[in-house]
């Protein structure tokens, strides 16, 4: 009797919107502006163009890497600049319109100035770095600012990205450096301190105090990393959270939340995770450019800065315990939630003084506000939790200033680099069974059951990331839909042997992503029995090409 071919549920494609608020009416000093949706339907024409551009980009990158001299680090460049008696000028990111706009054509004239030309006493930090320093400028990069805002809550992480060994006093030479995680490695980005201004004011991200410059310089370094300020226009907070930590982000759909989500958010805060959230534009029937009557903004990245349960005093309507979420709007102004538990709302009268003191409760027009967990679920549609890579601090910065003992860490991380190559390894998803076996295949072994459970299941997080796409925005290239599928190796199958098309015809997958998404990274958590598995990373359709990084996180006993 012949084997019966497996009929699987088809893989599902879903479009992911970017957070792009560069035209929001609420920006101080900005004209009436409109939120834009930059996601286009995927087409064969775009796939072909993407393949051509990425292949050419890879060749150019290899030629440049082979021909250029070894790059000097920040310390060497600063010493050379000090010896020259001149201030540093970055030859790779010059102060011109091409560094702002891909076309080199701008609507206004920008004047690039150093902080010393703008204020009498510039400082890198004033009383340290806090989320309240951050002010968004005219660039639609709230997805970056929300992550930076969250990062300031974790000094041991923040000062890996923003090193302390720089400023405007001792050894000042007009040169600064920052570090960003890029596809498995920490990359140093060196810049000069020439910043774009208009009418004497900083145009993009800046600090609330005009004499503080860490915000503006961090954004400039991030813009250089991706090829210009315009490359930062529109994105998802999961990108920036990963670039700032090397962690892995899990996307949670709040329209069907798990019953244990609140305890999970509490645990994420305790273990030092970064958390962001957003409201999709199709939610509640509002337009993308709208600021809702309750003060919340659609398609805008917020950071979650605290999750807590508080005790309440005896009150007619409020008794026992309240579950609360504190959020921060990177605009840093009065655009805040107006409902229950908002600034100065009557609900706070039921909170005992001791609890108010524990929360450090203040009410200012600074973009930060509280909501009840129930209202949070009713209004927000997605939350993204970035669990920090356990190797984060040890890899690049000694011990990164020391990881606090109360931050739980228990992940083993394995990374694989690969590529989808047309007519070779770009087979598309399982819907395209005849070409699916072409895709790269990676064997993993799960062998360490979770300690707290009585069963033999293991927790594994699989994360698939497209490489070097944001750098190609100047060519009109965007993220293609990606995902992955897992198969359990049957007894007798040797791990490491490539599976052929017949295997996939007659064997069902044991897990896969809920959707193929056109984002840089897709991540899913699974509970699996111990054993050997094969992970198949793929694009949604065949012949869509590009490089990728696959990371597999397995929980280990402490």
Protein backbone atom coordinates (compact mmCIF):
# COMPACT_ATOMS: atom_id res chain seq x y z
CA UNK A 1 0.00 0.00 0.00
CA UNK A 2 1.50 3.35 -1.02
CA UNK A 3 1.96 6.18 1.45
CA UNK A 4 -0.69 8.86 1.46
CA UNK A 5 0.43 12.40 0.65
CA UNK A 6 0.02 14.81 3.53
CA UNK A 7 -2.45 17.65 3.09
CA UNK A 8 -1.31 20.52 5.31
CA UNK A 9 -2.93 23.80 6.22
CA UNK A 10 -1.43 26.33 3.79
CA UNK A 11 1.07 28.91 5.00
CA UNK A 12 -0.56 32.30 5.51
CA UNK A 13 0.78 35.65 4.30
CA UNK A 14 0.17 38.74 6.42
CA UNK A 15 1.25 42.32 5.80
CA UNK A 16 2.95 44.08 8.72
CA UNK A 17 2.63 47.88 8.95
CA UNK A 18 5.55 50.09 9.85
CA UNK A 19 5.44 52.71 12.60
CA UNK A 20 5.93 55.96 10.72
CA UNK A 21 4.67 59.13 12.40
CA UNK A 22 6.78 61.68 10.61
CA UNK A 23 3.66 63.64 9.67
CA UNK A 24 1.81 63.66 12.96
CA UNK A 25 0.10 66.95 13.82
CA UNK A 26 1.33 66.61 17.38
CA UNK A 27 5.03 67.23 16.73
CA UNK A 28 5.96 70.60 18.21
CA UNK A 29 7.10 73.02 15.56
CA UNK A 30 5.94 70.76 12.74
CA UNK A 31 3.29 71.50 10.17
CA UNK A 32 0.14 69.42 9.72
CA UNK A 33 1.45 66.05 8.65
CA UNK A 34 0.07 62.65 7.65
CA UNK A 35 1.05 59.15 8.70
CA UNK A 36 2.12 57.07 5.73
CA UNK A 37 1.83 53.36 5.10
CA UNK A 38 4.96 52.28 3.24
CA UNK A 39 4.03 48.63 2.79
CA UNK A 40 3.35 47.63 -0.80
CA UNK A 41 1.83 44.33 -1.97
CA UNK A 42 4.53 41.84 -2.87
CA UNK A 43 4.73 41.29 -6.62
CA UNK A 44 6.86 39.21 -8.96
CA UNK A 45 8.27 42.40 -10.45
CA UNK A 46 9.44 43.52 -7.03
CA UNK A 47 10.89 40.09 -6.29
CA UNK A 48 12.99 40.20 -9.45
CA UNK A 49 14.15 43.74 -8.70
CA UNK A 50 14.95 42.77 -5.11
CA UNK A 51 17.04 39.83 -6.30
CA UNK A 52 18.99 41.99 -8.73
CA UNK A 53 19.66 44.77 -6.23
CA UNK A 54 20.63 42.48 -3.35
CA UNK A 55 23.01 40.52 -5.53
CA UNK A 56 24.64 43.74 -6.78
CA UNK A 57 24.78 45.15 -3.25
CA UNK A 58 26.49 41.99 -1.98
CA UNK A 59 29.09 42.16 -4.77
CA UNK A 60 29.81 45.84 -4.11
CA UNK A 61 30.13 45.18 -0.39
CA UNK A 62 32.63 42.38 -1.01
CA UNK A 63 34.70 44.55 -3.37
CA UNK A 64 34.76 47.46 -0.91
CA UNK A 65 35.71 45.17 1.97
CA UNK A 66 38.59 43.68 -0.03
CA UNK A 67 39.96 47.02 -1.25
CA UNK A 68 39.62 49.33 1.76
CA UNK A 69 42.24 49.44 4.50
CA UNK A 70 41.39 47.99 7.89
CA UNK A 71 39.14 50.45 9.69
CA UNK A 72 40.62 52.25 12.65
CA UNK A 73 38.71 52.19 15.88
CA UNK A 74 37.48 55.12 17.92
CA UNK A 75 40.47 55.31 20.28
CA UNK A 76 43.04 55.39 17.46
CA UNK A 77 41.06 57.94 15.43
CA UNK A 78 40.62 60.19 18.45
CA UNK A 79 44.33 60.15 19.26
CA UNK A 80 45.21 60.93 15.64
CA UNK A 81 42.67 63.77 15.57
CA UNK A 82 43.97 65.26 18.82
CA UNK A 83 47.51 65.12 17.44
CA UNK A 84 46.41 66.96 14.29
CA UNK A 85 45.00 69.88 16.25
CA UNK A 86 41.77 69.78 14.21
CA UNK A 87 38.29 68.49 14.91
CA UNK A 88 37.29 65.18 13.34
CA UNK A 89 35.45 65.11 10.00
CA UNK A 90 33.83 61.81 9.06
CA UNK A 91 34.77 60.94 5.45
CA UNK A 92 32.10 58.21 5.25
CA UNK A 93 29.10 60.29 6.40
CA UNK A 94 29.68 63.86 5.20
CA UNK A 95 27.58 66.86 6.29
CA UNK A 96 25.51 67.21 3.13
CA UNK A 97 22.00 66.58 1.84
CA UNK A 98 22.83 63.05 0.66
CA UNK A 99 23.28 62.04 4.29
CA UNK A 100 19.72 63.25 4.94
CA UNK A 101 17.86 62.30 1.78
CA UNK A 102 18.72 59.51 -0.65
CA UNK A 103 18.20 61.79 -3.66
CA UNK A 104 20.28 64.61 -2.21
CA UNK A 105 17.31 66.93 -2.78
CA UNK A 106 15.74 68.49 0.31
CA UNK A 107 12.88 70.95 0.75
CA UNK A 108 14.89 73.24 2.97
CA UNK A 109 18.47 74.28 3.57
CA UNK A 110 20.23 72.52 6.41
CA UNK A 111 23.22 73.92 8.21
CA UNK A 112 25.46 71.37 9.87
CA UNK A 113 26.82 72.58 13.18
CA UNK A 114 28.84 71.19 16.02
CA UNK A 115 27.39 71.45 19.54
CA UNK A 116 30.11 73.97 20.40
CA UNK A 117 28.62 76.23 17.72
CA UNK A 118 25.09 75.91 19.11
CA UNK A 119 25.48 76.34 22.87
CA UNK A 120 28.13 77.71 25.20
CA UNK A 121 28.57 74.62 27.35
CA UNK A 122 27.57 71.44 25.47
CA UNK A 123 27.44 68.22 27.46
CA UNK A 124 27.09 64.62 26.43
CA UNK A 125 24.95 63.80 29.49
CA UNK A 126 23.29 66.12 31.98
CA UNK A 127 22.56 64.19 35.18
CA UNK A 128 22.76 60.91 33.30
CA UNK A 129 20.46 59.60 30.57
CA UNK A 130 16.72 59.15 31.10
CA UNK A 131 13.71 58.48 28.90
CA UNK A 132 12.53 62.03 29.57
CA UNK A 133 15.56 63.45 27.76
CA UNK A 134 14.30 62.18 24.40
CA UNK A 135 12.45 64.52 22.05
CA UNK A 136 11.40 63.42 18.58
CA UNK A 137 12.25 65.66 15.66
CA UNK A 138 10.93 65.80 12.11
CA UNK A 139 11.98 62.25 11.23
CA UNK A 140 9.44 59.41 11.42
CA UNK A 141 11.58 57.19 13.62
CA UNK A 142 9.39 56.74 16.70
CA UNK A 143 10.26 53.04 16.41
CA UNK A 144 13.86 53.92 17.30
CA UNK A 145 13.04 56.47 20.00
CA UNK A 146 10.68 54.12 21.82
CA UNK A 147 13.43 51.50 22.07
CA UNK A 148 16.03 54.05 23.19
CA UNK A 149 13.58 55.30 25.80
CA UNK A 150 13.26 51.77 27.14
CA UNK A 151 17.02 51.21 27.01
CA UNK A 152 17.69 54.10 29.41
CA UNK A 153 15.92 52.07 32.12
CA UNK A 154 18.78 49.55 31.97
CA UNK A 155 22.12 51.38 32.45
CA UNK A 156 24.13 48.16 32.11
CA UNK A 157 22.69 47.78 28.58
CA UNK A 158 22.58 51.47 27.70
CA UNK A 159 26.29 52.05 28.22
CA UNK A 160 27.24 49.20 25.90
CA UNK A 161 25.45 51.09 23.11
CA UNK A 162 26.45 54.55 24.36
CA UNK A 163 29.98 54.26 25.82
CA UNK A 164 30.94 56.55 28.67
CA UNK A 165 34.45 57.35 27.34
CA UNK A 166 33.47 60.47 25.38
CA UNK A 167 32.22 63.99 25.86
CA UNK A 168 32.97 67.67 25.32
CA UNK A 169 35.62 68.20 27.98
CA UNK A 170 38.59 65.89 28.42
CA UNK A 171 39.96 64.55 25.11
CA UNK A 172 37.24 66.24 23.04
CA UNK A 173 38.11 66.02 19.34
CA UNK A 174 34.72 66.25 17.60
CA UNK A 175 34.52 62.45 17.40
CA UNK A 176 32.05 60.06 19.06
CA UNK A 177 31.24 56.35 18.86
CA UNK A 178 28.33 54.00 19.48
CA UNK A 179 27.78 50.26 19.22
CA UNK A 180 24.90 48.43 17.55
CA UNK A 181 24.18 44.74 17.25
CA UNK A 182 24.18 43.64 13.61
CA UNK A 183 23.36 40.06 12.68
CA UNK A 184 25.28 38.31 15.43
CA UNK A 185 28.07 40.84 15.97
CA UNK A 186 28.55 44.15 17.73
CA UNK A 187 29.53 46.89 15.30
CA UNK A 188 31.19 50.14 16.33
CA UNK A 189 29.98 53.24 14.47
CA UNK A 190 32.26 56.29 14.60
CA UNK A 191 30.88 59.74 13.71
CA UNK A 192 31.78 63.39 13.91
CA UNK A 193 29.54 65.75 15.86
CA UNK A 194 28.30 67.87 12.96
CA UNK A 195 24.49 67.83 13.24
CA UNK A 196 21.80 69.08 10.81
CA UNK A 197 20.08 72.26 11.99
CA UNK A 198 17.52 74.72 10.63
CA UNK A 199 17.20 78.24 11.98
CA UNK A 200 19.76 77.34 14.61
CA UNK A 201 17.80 74.37 16.02
CA UNK A 202 18.38 70.63 15.74
CA UNK A 203 16.09 69.12 13.12
CA UNK A 204 15.88 65.51 14.26
CA UNK A 205 16.06 63.66 17.59
CA UNK A 206 17.32 65.87 20.41
CA UNK A 207 17.31 66.24 24.17
CA UNK A 208 14.80 68.22 26.19
CA UNK A 209 17.75 70.26 27.50
CA UNK A 210 19.33 72.04 24.52
CA UNK A 211 22.82 71.68 26.04
CA UNK A 212 22.67 67.85 26.10
CA UNK A 213 23.64 65.93 22.93
CA UNK A 214 23.71 62.18 23.51
CA UNK A 215 20.29 61.76 21.84
CA UNK A 216 21.16 63.62 18.65
CA UNK A 217 24.53 61.89 18.29
CA UNK A 218 23.06 58.43 18.89
CA UNK A 219 20.48 58.97 16.15
CA UNK A 220 23.19 60.22 13.78
CA UNK A 221 25.26 57.08 14.37
CA UNK A 222 22.20 54.91 13.72
CA UNK A 223 21.47 56.85 10.53
CA UNK A 224 25.05 56.30 9.37
CA UNK A 225 24.74 52.58 10.08
CA UNK A 226 21.82 52.35 7.63
CA UNK A 227 23.02 54.82 5.01
CA UNK A 228 21.28 58.08 5.93
CA UNK A 229 18.56 59.70 8.00
CA UNK A 230 15.93 58.82 5.40
CA UNK A 231 16.65 55.12 5.96
CA UNK A 232 15.20 55.51 9.47
CA UNK A 233 11.85 56.79 8.22
CA UNK A 234 9.31 54.10 9.06
CA UNK A 235 10.05 50.87 10.88
CA UNK A 236 9.03 48.52 13.65
CA UNK A 237 10.19 48.73 17.23
CA UNK A 238 11.38 45.13 17.12
CA UNK A 239 14.19 46.18 14.76
CA UNK A 240 15.57 48.87 17.03
CA UNK A 241 15.19 46.80 20.20
CA UNK A 242 17.27 44.02 18.65
CA UNK A 243 19.88 46.46 17.28
CA UNK A 244 20.27 47.96 20.76
CA UNK A 245 20.49 44.69 22.69
CA UNK A 246 21.19 41.69 20.48
CA UNK A 247 18.08 40.16 22.04
CA UNK A 248 15.19 38.32 20.48
CA UNK A 249 11.72 39.83 20.09
CA UNK A 250 8.43 37.98 20.45
CA UNK A 251 5.33 39.57 18.91
CA UNK A 252 2.09 39.11 20.84
CA UNK A 253 -1.30 39.80 19.25
CA UNK A 254 -3.41 41.53 21.89
CA UNK A 255 -6.62 40.87 20.00
CA UNK A 256 -6.44 37.29 21.30
CA UNK A 257 -4.22 37.53 24.39
CA UNK A 258 -3.27 34.54 26.50
CA UNK A 259 -4.74 34.37 29.98
CA UNK A 260 -1.25 34.47 31.51
CA UNK A 261 -0.10 37.57 29.62
CA UNK A 262 -0.04 39.91 32.61
CA UNK A 263 2.24 37.62 34.69
CA UNK A 264 4.39 37.24 31.59
CA UNK A 265 4.75 41.02 31.28
CA UNK A 266 5.63 41.22 34.97
CA UNK A 267 8.30 38.57 34.49
CA UNK A 268 9.66 40.32 31.40
CA UNK A 269 10.13 43.52 33.38
CA UNK A 270 11.89 41.66 36.19
CA UNK A 271 14.31 39.93 33.83
CA UNK A 272 15.31 43.22 32.18
CA UNK A 273 13.45 42.81 28.88
CA UNK A 274 12.59 45.76 26.65
CA UNK A 275 8.87 46.00 25.87
CA UNK A 276 7.12 48.01 23.15
CA UNK A 277 3.56 48.21 21.89
CA UNK A 278 1.44 49.78 19.16
CA UNK A 279 -2.08 50.21 17.78
CA UNK A 280 -2.64 49.02 14.22
CA UNK A 281 -4.29 51.50 11.87
CA UNK A 282 -7.30 49.28 11.13
CA UNK A 283 -8.16 49.04 14.81
CA UNK A 284 -11.43 50.59 16.03
CA UNK A 285 -12.18 51.98 12.58
CA UNK A 286 -9.89 55.01 12.92
CA UNK A 287 -7.71 56.49 10.20
CA UNK A 288 -3.93 55.96 10.37
CA UNK A 289 -3.22 59.64 10.89
CA UNK A 290 -5.66 60.00 13.77
CA UNK A 291 -4.95 60.85 17.35
CA UNK A 292 -7.89 59.20 19.04
CA UNK A 293 -10.15 61.09 21.42
CA UNK A 294 -8.65 59.14 24.31
CA UNK A 295 -5.20 60.58 23.55
CA UNK A 296 -3.65 57.47 21.99
CA UNK A 297 -2.06 57.49 18.53
CA UNK A 298 -2.46 54.78 15.92
CA UNK A 299 0.50 53.22 14.14
CA UNK A 300 2.89 54.75 16.65
CA UNK A 301 5.50 53.00 18.77
CA UNK A 302 5.20 53.26 22.55
CA UNK A 303 7.56 51.82 25.13
CA UNK A 304 6.28 50.03 28.21
CA UNK A 305 8.37 51.27 31.11
CA UNK A 306 6.73 49.43 33.99
CA UNK A 307 4.16 46.74 34.76
CA UNK A 308 2.87 46.36 38.30
CA UNK A 309 0.06 45.27 40.59
CA UNK A 310 -0.84 47.77 43.30
CA UNK A 311 -2.85 47.56 46.49
CA UNK A 312 -5.84 49.85 46.78
CA UNK A 313 -7.37 51.56 49.78
CA UNK A 314 -11.02 50.96 50.61
CA UNK A 315 -13.10 52.80 48.03
CA UNK A 316 -16.64 52.45 46.64
CA UNK A 317 -15.48 51.19 43.26
CA UNK A 318 -11.86 50.19 43.75
CA UNK A 319 -10.90 47.44 46.15
CA UNK A 320 -8.14 44.91 46.46
CA UNK A 321 -5.58 45.10 43.67
CA UNK A 322 -5.20 46.92 40.36
CA UNK A 323 -3.08 45.73 37.44
CA UNK A 324 -1.38 48.70 35.78
CA UNK A 325 0.88 49.37 32.80
CA UNK A 326 3.06 52.47 32.45
CA UNK A 327 3.76 53.64 28.89
CA UNK A 328 5.93 56.32 27.34
CA UNK A 329 5.22 58.24 24.14
CA UNK A 330 8.58 59.17 22.52
CA UNK A 331 7.19 62.54 21.49
CA UNK A 332 7.74 63.45 25.13
CA UNK A 333 4.87 65.94 25.30
CA UNK A 334 1.29 66.23 26.53
CA UNK A 335 -0.13 63.69 24.06
CA UNK A 336 -1.07 61.04 26.60
CA UNK A 337 -3.87 58.65 27.57
CA UNK A 338 -6.91 60.50 28.94
CA UNK A 339 -8.88 57.62 30.46
CA UNK A 340 -8.83 55.81 33.79
CA UNK A 341 -5.52 55.93 35.67
CA UNK A 342 -4.23 58.76 33.46
CA UNK A 343 -2.41 61.72 34.99
CA UNK A 344 -4.37 63.13 37.95
CA UNK A 345 -7.39 60.88 37.31
CA UNK A 346 -9.59 60.18 40.38
CA UNK A 347 -8.52 56.51 40.51
CA UNK A 348 -5.22 57.58 42.07
CA UNK A 349 -7.07 58.82 45.17
CA UNK A 350 -7.66 55.17 46.13
CA UNK A 351 -3.94 54.38 46.12
CA UNK A 352 -2.30 54.45 49.57
CA UNK A 353 0.59 56.93 50.03
CA UNK A 354 3.08 54.09 50.40
CA UNK A 355 2.13 52.66 47.02
CA UNK A 356 2.29 56.08 45.38
CA UNK A 357 5.80 56.51 46.77
CA UNK A 358 6.84 53.05 45.57
CA UNK A 359 5.70 53.94 42.06
CA UNK A 360 7.55 57.28 42.11
CA UNK A 361 4.32 58.85 40.97
CA UNK A 362 4.59 62.18 39.12
CA UNK A 363 2.22 63.87 36.68
CA UNK A 364 3.89 65.92 33.95
CA UNK A 365 3.35 66.61 30.25
CA UNK A 366 6.29 64.33 29.43
CA UNK A 367 4.65 61.59 27.35
CA UNK A 368 4.52 59.07 30.19
CA UNK A 369 1.24 57.79 31.61
CA UNK A 370 -0.44 54.86 33.35
CA UNK A 371 -3.31 52.70 32.13
CA UNK A 372 -5.19 49.79 33.62
CA UNK A 373 -4.22 46.47 32.10
CA UNK A 374 -7.82 46.05 30.93
CA UNK A 375 -7.78 49.38 29.05
CA UNK A 376 -4.39 48.49 27.62
CA UNK A 377 -5.82 45.29 26.13
CA UNK A 378 -8.87 47.12 24.78
CA UNK A 379 -6.84 49.75 22.93
CA UNK A 380 -3.48 48.30 21.89
CA UNK A 381 -3.20 45.55 19.30
CA UNK A 382 0.40 44.36 19.58
CA UNK A 383 3.05 44.10 22.25
CA UNK A 384 6.65 43.10 21.57
CA UNK A 385 8.95 41.70 24.24
CA UNK A 386 12.70 41.79 23.65
CA UNK A 387 14.48 39.23 25.81
CA UNK A 388 18.11 40.24 26.06
CA UNK A 389 20.66 37.81 24.70
CA UNK A 390 22.49 36.29 27.70
CA UNK A 391 25.81 36.89 25.94
CA UNK A 392 25.00 40.60 25.57
CA UNK A 393 27.30 42.14 28.15
CA UNK A 394 30.16 39.67 28.14
CA UNK A 395 30.91 39.81 24.42
CA UNK A 396 31.94 43.35 23.67
CA UNK A 397 32.38 45.30 26.85
CA UNK A 398 34.02 43.12 29.42
CA UNK A 399 31.03 42.57 31.64
CA UNK A 400 29.16 45.56 30.25
CA UNK A 401 29.27 47.28 33.60
CA UNK A 402 27.95 44.15 35.29
CA UNK A 403 24.60 42.47 34.84
CA UNK A 404 22.42 42.84 37.94
CA UNK A 405 22.01 39.60 39.86
CA UNK A 406 18.21 39.89 39.78
CA UNK A 407 18.08 39.71 35.96
CA UNK A 408 17.20 36.12 35.13
CA UNK A 409 19.15 34.55 32.28
CA UNK A 410 18.83 31.02 31.01
CA UNK A 411 19.14 30.76 27.24
CA UNK A 412 21.54 28.89 24.98
CA UNK A 413 21.80 30.62 21.61
CA UNK A 414 22.82 28.95 18.34
CA UNK A 415 23.18 31.04 15.17
CA UNK A 416 23.18 30.00 11.52
CA UNK A 417 23.90 32.31 8.57
CA UNK A 418 22.51 31.50 5.16
CA UNK A 419 20.99 32.82 1.95
CA UNK A 420 18.10 32.21 -0.40
CA UNK A 421 19.60 32.02 -3.89
CA UNK A 422 17.39 31.97 -7.00
CA UNK A 423 17.14 28.56 -8.72
CA UNK A 424 19.16 27.01 -5.91
CA UNK A 425 18.04 27.60 -2.30
CA UNK A 426 15.00 29.91 -2.71
CA UNK A 427 12.21 27.35 -2.62
CA UNK A 428 9.38 29.31 -1.03
CA UNK A 429 7.06 28.03 1.71
CA UNK A 430 5.37 24.60 2.03
CA UNK A 431 2.58 25.82 -0.27
CA UNK A 432 5.10 25.30 -3.09
CA UNK A 433 5.80 21.64 -2.39
CA UNK A 434 7.78 21.01 -5.60
CA UNK A 435 10.46 23.56 -4.68
CA UNK A 436 10.20 23.62 -0.87
CA UNK A 437 13.06 21.12 -0.38
CA UNK A 438 15.50 23.55 -2.01
CA UNK A 439 15.48 25.77 1.05
CA UNK A 440 18.33 25.63 3.57
CA UNK A 441 17.77 23.05 6.32
CA UNK A 442 19.14 23.14 9.86
CA UNK A 443 19.05 20.30 12.38
CA UNK A 444 18.65 21.06 16.08
CA UNK A 445 18.43 18.81 19.13
CA UNK A 446 16.18 19.51 22.09
CA UNK A 447 17.35 17.57 25.11
CA UNK A 448 16.91 19.69 28.23
CA UNK A 449 13.33 19.59 29.52
CA UNK A 450 12.04 22.57 31.48
CA UNK A 451 12.84 22.06 35.13
CA UNK A 452 9.57 23.38 36.52
CA UNK A 453 7.39 21.09 34.39
CA UNK A 454 6.51 17.44 34.96
CA UNK A 455 6.41 16.62 31.25
CA UNK A 456 9.30 16.07 28.82
CA UNK A 457 8.60 19.14 26.72
CA UNK A 458 11.23 21.78 26.00
CA UNK A 459 10.90 25.49 25.28
CA UNK A 460 12.55 26.73 22.09
CA UNK A 461 12.44 30.16 20.47
CA UNK A 462 13.22 30.35 16.76
CA UNK A 463 14.05 33.71 15.20
CA UNK A 464 14.62 34.38 11.50
CA UNK A 465 16.08 37.71 10.39
CA UNK A 466 16.58 39.24 6.93
CA UNK A 467 19.98 40.88 6.53
CA UNK A 468 21.01 44.22 5.02
CA UNK A 469 17.57 45.25 3.72
CA UNK A 470 17.22 48.64 5.42
CA UNK A 471 20.52 49.64 3.80
CA UNK A 472 18.81 49.04 0.44
CA UNK A 473 15.86 51.38 1.03
CA UNK A 474 17.51 53.94 -1.24
CA UNK A 475 16.92 51.49 -4.12
CA UNK A 476 13.25 50.98 -3.27
CA UNK A 477 13.82 47.56 -1.70
CA UNK A 478 11.71 46.49 1.27
CA UNK A 479 11.36 43.42 3.43
CA UNK A 480 9.88 40.32 1.80
CA UNK A 481 7.56 37.92 3.67
CA UNK A 482 9.56 35.30 5.57
CA UNK A 483 8.84 32.45 7.98
CA UNK A 484 9.93 28.95 8.94
CA UNK A 485 8.61 25.43 9.39
CA UNK A 486 9.77 22.67 11.75
CA UNK A 487 9.76 18.92 11.15
CA UNK A 488 10.55 16.19 13.67
CA UNK A 489 13.06 13.68 12.41
CA UNK A 490 11.53 10.18 12.48
CA UNK A 491 13.47 7.26 13.98
CA UNK A 492 16.19 6.03 11.65
CA UNK A 493 16.76 9.38 9.97
CA UNK A 494 20.34 10.54 10.36
CA UNK A 495 20.57 14.15 11.65
CA UNK A 496 22.21 16.45 9.12
CA UNK A 497 21.04 14.62 5.99
CA UNK A 498 19.09 16.88 3.62
CA UNK A 499 15.41 16.06 3.40
CA UNK A 500 13.99 15.65 -0.10
CA UNK A 501 10.64 16.51 -1.64
CA UNK A 502 9.19 13.07 -0.89
CA UNK A 503 9.83 13.53 2.82
CA UNK A 504 7.80 16.74 2.80
CA UNK A 505 5.02 15.16 0.75
CA UNK A 506 4.48 12.32 3.23
CA UNK A 507 5.45 13.88 6.57
CA UNK A 508 3.54 16.64 8.32
CA UNK A 509 5.26 19.58 9.93
CA UNK A 510 5.12 19.74 13.71
CA UNK A 511 5.27 23.54 14.04
CA UNK A 512 5.51 26.70 11.97
CA UNK A 513 5.06 30.45 12.15
CA UNK A 514 1.45 31.66 12.40
CA UNK A 515 2.05 34.03 9.47
CA UNK A 516 4.72 34.84 6.93
CA UNK A 517 5.44 38.53 7.58
CA UNK A 518 7.21 41.23 5.57
CA UNK A 519 9.33 42.33 8.54
CA UNK A 520 13.03 42.11 9.24
CA UNK A 521 12.52 39.39 11.83
CA UNK A 522 9.91 36.79 12.70
CA UNK A 523 10.07 34.94 15.99
CA UNK A 524 7.95 32.19 17.51
CA UNK A 525 8.11 30.30 20.81
CA UNK A 526 7.33 26.57 20.79
CA UNK A 527 6.90 23.79 23.36
CA UNK A 528 8.28 20.59 21.86
CA UNK A 529 9.10 17.06 23.02
CA UNK A 530 12.80 16.24 23.27
CA UNK A 531 14.35 15.01 20.03
CA UNK A 532 15.90 16.06 16.72
CA UNK A 533 14.17 18.62 14.50
CA UNK A 534 14.81 20.26 11.16
CA UNK A 535 14.09 23.97 10.70
CA UNK A 536 13.28 25.18 7.17
CA UNK A 537 13.61 28.99 6.84
CA UNK A 538 12.01 30.34 3.68
CA UNK A 539 10.43 33.26 1.91
CA UNK A 540 6.71 33.01 1.19
CA UNK A 541 7.12 32.59 -2.58
CA UNK A 542 9.94 30.84 -4.46
CA UNK A 543 12.84 32.75 -6.06
CA UNK A 544 12.74 35.60 -3.55
CA UNK A 545 16.37 36.06 -2.60
CA UNK A 546 18.37 37.49 0.24
CA UNK A 547 20.66 36.75 3.16
CA UNK A 548 19.38 35.71 6.56
CA UNK A 549 20.39 34.95 10.13
CA UNK A 550 18.63 32.11 11.95
CA UNK A 551 18.85 32.06 15.75
CA UNK A 552 17.64 29.25 17.97
CA UNK A 553 17.18 29.95 21.69
CA UNK A 554 16.81 26.96 23.99
CA UNK A 555 16.12 27.34 27.70
CA UNK A 556 18.67 25.79 30.04
CA UNK A 557 18.58 25.06 33.74
CA UNK A 558 20.19 27.61 36.03
